[in-house]
Amino acid sequence: MDYMSLFWVFLVIYALFLPWWARKRLDLQRLSLMRRLERKRGSRVITLIHRQEAISFLGLPLARYIDVDDSEEVLRAIRSTPPDTPIDIILHTPGGLVLAAEQIALALCRHPGKVTVFVPHYAMSGGTMIALAADEIVMDPHAVLGPVDPQVGQYPAASIVKVLEQKPLSEVDDTTLILADVARKALAQVKAFLGEILEGRMDPAKAEELADILSSGHWTHDYPITVDRLRKLGLETSTDMPPEIYALMDLYPQPAGRRPSVEYVPSSRS
């Protein structure tokens, strides 16, 4: 084999090895930081972080959401945690499947040890449902949660029901009537579930009021619920975010190869 052939073989091996090593190095950094946080807080740290990822070959953006694979992994982590060990779960998600979010929320509710949810940026929809299952919610001062009103297809369930209130039944087609029936059931189910996970964590009347506000379509589905608004709704929320959480989020970068839309010169602090 001549030198040119060796060069190309080396180049191919290098091109295949480098991305693997970069990913492996990032995974090791994440685990190291999670272990440091566990030692500091005496807890079990679980992350549920959804970043937009890229398909490796084409580089196309691929959005990530809470799915049943996530719930299976989180349930396995909770099950393997000793009953008296606190759980810290780091949430960064746009939401996802109601089934998966409810499974995770119920498992957290039933864990005997203290459960703390950390929201460094946002936990919308199903992410909010999971956050409400915690004994303590810690958010960045600018982080947000969101409504958990169910969606039927591409429409909010509350809006589908609203159609029947504004039009005579004779003017409503069969498909809309069927969707409205599903929507009513979805609204009732989510409200009942929220009441279940909030029970014992706050005053019953406040819990029912909060469950209704979050699930009944009071706001649009993407409405940002800030720390101040959560407190006004009666939900105790801390802003004492450990610096390790921010450092961990830095280890979940957006897909490589994209031009950053936000750039700045990091300030040096003595």
Protein backbone atom coordinates (compact mmCIF):
# COMPACT_ATOMS: atom_id res chain seq x y z
CA MET A 1 0.00 0.00 0.00
CA ASP A 2 1.50 3.36 -1.01
CA TYR A 3 1.62 6.50 1.10
CA MET A 4 -1.33 8.12 -0.68
CA SER A 5 -3.56 5.12 0.07
CA LEU A 6 -2.46 5.19 3.70
CA PHE A 7 -3.27 8.89 3.83
CA TRP A 8 -6.82 8.34 2.57
CA VAL A 9 -7.38 5.41 4.94
CA PHE A 10 -6.20 7.56 7.83
CA LEU A 11 -8.41 10.43 6.70
CA VAL A 12 -11.52 8.23 6.55
CA ILE A 13 -10.81 6.72 9.98
CA TYR A 14 -10.19 10.18 11.42
CA ALA A 15 -13.42 11.54 9.91
CA LEU A 16 -15.40 8.67 11.44
CA PHE A 17 -13.63 8.71 14.80
CA LEU A 18 -13.66 12.45 15.49
CA PRO A 19 -17.48 12.91 15.77
CA TRP A 20 -17.70 9.81 17.99
CA TRP A 21 -14.95 11.08 20.26
CA ALA A 22 -16.49 14.56 20.47
CA ARG A 23 -19.85 13.06 21.48
CA LYS A 24 -18.19 10.69 23.96
CA ARG A 25 -16.22 13.54 25.52
CA LEU A 26 -19.40 15.59 25.87
CA ASP A 27 -21.20 12.66 27.52
CA LEU A 28 -18.35 12.23 30.01
CA GLN A 29 -18.44 15.95 30.86
CA ARG A 30 -22.18 15.77 31.47
CA LEU A 31 -21.87 12.73 33.73
CA SER A 32 -19.04 14.35 35.67
CA LEU A 33 -21.09 17.48 36.30
CA MET A 34 -24.17 15.45 37.26
CA ARG A 35 -22.12 13.45 39.78
CA ARG A 36 -20.75 16.69 41.23
CA LEU A 37 -24.31 18.02 41.65
CA GLU A 38 -25.42 14.73 43.23
CA ARG A 39 -22.60 14.89 45.77
CA LYS A 40 -23.38 18.53 46.55
CA ARG A 41 -27.11 17.97 47.10
CA GLY A 42 -27.10 14.34 48.23
CA SER A 43 -29.62 13.49 45.53
CA ARG A 44 -30.22 11.52 42.35
CA VAL A 45 -30.01 13.80 39.30
CA ILE A 46 -32.16 13.02 36.24
CA THR A 47 -32.17 15.17 33.12
CA LEU A 48 -35.05 15.54 30.66
CA ILE A 49 -33.61 17.95 28.12
CA HIS A 50 -34.90 18.38 24.59
CA ARG A 51 -32.79 20.37 22.18
CA GLN A 52 -33.45 20.69 18.47
CA GLU A 53 -31.11 18.16 16.90
CA ALA A 54 -29.86 17.62 13.37
CA ILE A 55 -30.09 14.49 11.26
CA SER A 56 -26.42 13.56 10.95
CA PHE A 57 -26.18 13.11 7.19
CA LEU A 58 -28.48 15.81 5.82
CA GLY A 59 -28.21 18.25 8.72
CA LEU A 60 -31.97 18.75 8.80
CA PRO A 61 -33.45 20.07 12.06
CA LEU A 62 -35.33 17.50 14.12
CA ALA A 63 -37.47 18.72 17.02
CA ARG A 64 -37.47 16.65 20.21
CA TYR A 65 -40.46 16.11 22.51
CA ILE A 66 -41.42 14.04 25.53
CA ASP A 67 -42.28 10.56 24.27
CA VAL A 68 -42.80 7.07 25.67
CA ASP A 69 -39.10 6.29 25.33
CA ASP A 70 -38.38 9.22 27.65
CA SER A 71 -40.97 8.07 30.18
CA GLU A 72 -39.57 4.53 30.11
CA GLU A 73 -36.04 5.80 30.87
CA VAL A 74 -37.16 8.24 33.57
CA LEU A 75 -39.32 5.60 35.27
CA ARG A 76 -36.35 3.23 35.23
CA ALA A 77 -34.18 5.91 36.87
CA ILE A 78 -36.81 6.64 39.54
CA ARG A 79 -37.33 2.95 40.24
CA SER A 80 -33.59 2.44 40.75
CA THR A 81 -33.38 5.34 43.22
CA PRO A 82 -33.54 4.38 46.93
CA PRO A 83 -36.86 5.51 48.49
CA ASP A 84 -35.22 7.92 50.94
CA THR A 85 -32.95 9.54 48.31
CA PRO A 86 -34.13 12.93 46.98
CA ILE A 87 -34.58 13.28 43.23
CA ASP A 88 -33.51 16.38 41.30
CA ILE A 89 -34.92 16.47 37.77
CA ILE A 90 -33.68 19.07 35.29
CA LEU A 91 -36.38 20.01 32.79
CA HIS A 92 -35.93 21.74 29.45
CA THR A 93 -38.69 20.73 27.06
CA PRO A 94 -41.45 22.09 24.81
CA GLY A 95 -43.78 19.31 26.01
CA GLY A 96 -44.91 16.17 24.26
CA LEU A 97 -47.21 13.17 24.71
CA VAL A 98 -49.71 13.47 27.55
CA LEU A 99 -49.37 9.76 28.31
CA ALA A 100 -45.59 10.01 28.77
CA ALA A 101 -45.79 13.21 30.85
CA GLU A 102 -48.47 11.73 33.13
CA GLN A 103 -46.43 8.57 33.67
CA ILE A 104 -43.41 10.60 34.76
CA ALA A 105 -45.48 12.94 36.94
CA LEU A 106 -47.17 10.04 38.76
CA ALA A 107 -43.86 8.29 39.38
CA LEU A 108 -42.40 11.48 40.86
CA CYS A 109 -45.48 11.99 43.06
CA ARG A 110 -45.12 8.47 44.47
CA HIS A 111 -41.40 8.74 45.22
CA PRO A 112 -41.07 8.90 49.04
CA GLY A 113 -38.02 11.20 48.98
CA LYS A 114 -38.16 14.90 48.19
CA VAL A 115 -38.51 15.73 44.49
CA THR A 116 -37.14 19.02 43.15
CA VAL A 117 -37.61 20.18 39.57
CA PHE A 118 -35.17 22.67 38.06
CA VAL A 119 -36.29 24.75 35.07
CA PRO A 120 -33.37 26.79 33.70
CA HIS A 121 -35.20 28.07 30.59
CA TYR A 122 -38.64 26.58 29.91
CA ALA A 123 -40.80 23.54 30.55
CA MET A 124 -43.98 23.88 28.53
CA SER A 125 -47.15 21.78 28.33
CA GLY A 126 -46.22 18.25 29.44
CA GLY A 127 -43.07 19.68 31.02
CA THR A 128 -45.26 21.87 33.23
CA MET A 129 -47.29 18.81 34.20
CA ILE A 130 -44.09 17.10 35.36
CA ALA A 131 -42.97 20.22 37.24
CA LEU A 132 -46.27 20.38 39.14
CA ALA A 133 -45.63 16.87 40.49
CA ALA A 134 -42.52 18.03 42.37
CA ASP A 135 -42.32 18.98 46.03
CA GLU A 136 -40.30 22.05 45.04
CA ILE A 137 -39.97 23.97 41.77
CA VAL A 138 -36.79 25.96 41.17
CA MET A 139 -36.76 28.28 38.15
CA ASP A 140 -34.43 30.82 36.67
CA PRO A 141 -35.99 34.28 37.29
CA HIS A 142 -36.70 34.49 33.54
CA ALA A 143 -37.74 30.87 32.98
CA VAL A 144 -41.34 29.98 32.17
CA LEU A 145 -43.85 27.17 32.41
CA GLY A 146 -46.91 26.90 30.17
CA PRO A 147 -50.58 25.89 30.09
CA VAL A 148 -51.40 22.19 29.93
CA ASP A 149 -54.67 22.47 28.02
CA PRO A 150 -54.99 19.38 25.79
CA GLN A 151 -54.76 19.57 22.02
CA VAL A 152 -56.96 17.49 19.71
CA GLY A 153 -55.15 17.16 16.42
CA GLN A 154 -53.90 20.63 15.54
CA TYR A 155 -56.55 22.48 17.56
CA PRO A 156 -56.90 23.32 21.27
CA ALA A 157 -59.59 21.18 22.88
CA ALA A 158 -61.14 24.23 24.57
CA SER A 159 -61.52 26.02 21.23
CA ILE A 160 -63.26 23.02 19.65
CA VAL A 161 -65.78 22.96 22.50
CA LYS A 162 -66.25 26.72 22.10
CA VAL A 163 -67.51 26.18 18.55
CA LEU A 164 -70.55 24.28 19.84
CA GLU A 165 -71.36 27.15 22.19
CA GLN A 166 -71.37 29.68 19.36
CA LYS A 167 -73.16 27.78 16.58
CA PRO A 168 -76.44 25.84 16.44
CA LEU A 169 -75.91 22.06 16.29
CA SER A 170 -77.68 21.98 12.93
CA GLU A 171 -74.83 24.05 11.47
CA VAL A 172 -72.04 21.89 12.89
CA ASP A 173 -70.71 19.00 10.81
CA ASP A 174 -70.32 15.47 12.18
CA THR A 175 -66.52 15.63 12.28
CA THR A 176 -66.60 18.70 14.52
CA LEU A 177 -69.16 17.04 16.80
CA ILE A 178 -66.91 14.00 17.17
CA LEU A 179 -63.88 16.21 17.85
CA ALA A 180 -65.88 18.17 20.44
CA ASP A 181 -66.77 14.95 22.26
CA VAL A 182 -63.09 13.95 22.36
CA ALA A 183 -62.16 17.49 23.42
CA ARG A 184 -64.56 17.47 26.39
CA LYS A 185 -63.15 14.17 27.59
CA ALA A 186 -59.57 15.42 27.18
CA LEU A 187 -60.28 18.60 29.15
CA ALA A 188 -61.93 16.66 31.97
CA GLN A 189 -59.13 14.08 32.09
CA VAL A 190 -56.29 16.61 32.24
CA LYS A 191 -58.05 18.74 34.87
CA ALA A 192 -58.69 15.67 37.03
CA PHE A 193 -55.07 14.55 36.69
CA LEU A 194 -53.73 17.97 37.66
CA GLY A 195 -56.00 17.97 40.70
CA GLU A 196 -54.62 14.56 41.65
CA ILE A 197 -50.95 15.58 41.52
CA LEU A 198 -51.59 18.93 43.23
CA GLU A 199 -53.57 17.28 46.03
CA GLY A 200 -51.67 17.52 49.29
CA ARG A 201 -49.22 20.06 47.89
CA MET A 202 -51.47 23.10 48.33
CA ASP A 203 -54.87 24.16 49.64
CA PRO A 204 -57.58 22.00 47.95
CA ALA A 205 -59.55 25.02 46.74
CA LYS A 206 -56.39 26.60 45.31
CA ALA A 207 -55.39 23.28 43.74
CA GLU A 208 -58.74 22.99 41.95
CA GLU A 209 -58.55 26.61 40.80
CA LEU A 210 -55.01 26.17 39.48
CA ALA A 211 -55.91 22.92 37.71
CA ASP A 212 -58.83 24.66 36.01
CA ILE A 213 -56.80 27.70 34.93
CA LEU A 214 -53.98 25.62 33.47
CA SER A 215 -56.14 23.06 31.66
CA SER A 216 -59.23 24.93 30.46
CA GLY A 217 -57.76 27.05 27.66
CA HIS A 218 -57.64 30.24 29.73
CA TRP A 219 -54.53 31.18 27.71
CA THR A 220 -53.12 30.08 24.37
CA HIS A 221 -51.05 26.90 24.55
CA ASP A 222 -47.75 28.74 24.11
CA TYR A 223 -48.46 31.39 26.78
CA PRO A 224 -45.41 31.89 29.04
CA ILE A 225 -46.25 31.58 32.74
CA THR A 226 -43.57 33.44 34.68
CA VAL A 227 -42.36 32.93 38.24
CA ASP A 228 -44.32 35.97 39.43
CA ARG A 229 -47.55 34.73 37.86
CA LEU A 230 -47.07 31.25 39.32
CA ARG A 231 -46.70 32.77 42.77
CA LYS A 232 -49.87 34.82 42.26
CA LEU A 233 -51.64 31.58 41.36
CA GLY A 234 -50.55 30.15 44.72
CA LEU A 235 -47.70 27.94 43.53
CA GLU A 236 -44.56 28.37 45.63
CA THR A 237 -41.56 28.73 43.33
CA SER A 238 -37.89 29.32 44.17
CA THR A 239 -35.34 31.12 42.00
CA ASP A 240 -32.29 29.76 43.86
CA MET A 241 -30.83 27.97 40.85
CA PRO A 242 -27.51 26.15 41.45
CA PRO A 243 -24.76 27.31 39.04
CA GLU A 244 -24.12 23.66 38.09
CA ILE A 245 -27.50 23.61 36.30
CA TYR A 246 -26.45 26.39 33.94
CA ALA A 247 -23.08 24.73 33.38
CA LEU A 248 -24.86 21.47 32.53
CA MET A 249 -27.11 23.22 30.00
CA ASP A 250 -23.99 24.50 28.24
CA LEU A 251 -23.12 20.86 27.59
CA TYR A 252 -26.33 20.40 25.58
CA PRO A 253 -25.46 22.61 22.58
CA GLN A 254 -27.62 23.22 19.55
CA PRO A 255 -26.63 21.24 16.41
CA ALA A 256 -23.12 21.92 15.14
CA GLY A 257 -22.82 23.60 11.77
CA ARG A 258 -25.61 26.10 12.34
CA ARG A 259 -24.63 29.75 12.36
CA PRO A 260 -25.49 31.04 15.84
CA SER A 261 -28.30 33.60 15.81
CA VAL A 262 -27.08 35.07 19.11
CA GLU A 263 -23.45 36.03 19.68
CA TYR A 264 -21.68 38.01 22.42
CA VAL A 265 -18.27 38.41 24.01
CA PRO A 266 -18.28 36.61 27.38
CA SER A 267 -17.45 38.97 30.23
CA SER A 268 -14.50 38.12 32.47
CA ARG A 269 -15.29 38.02 36.17
CA SER A 270 -12.63 38.20 38.81
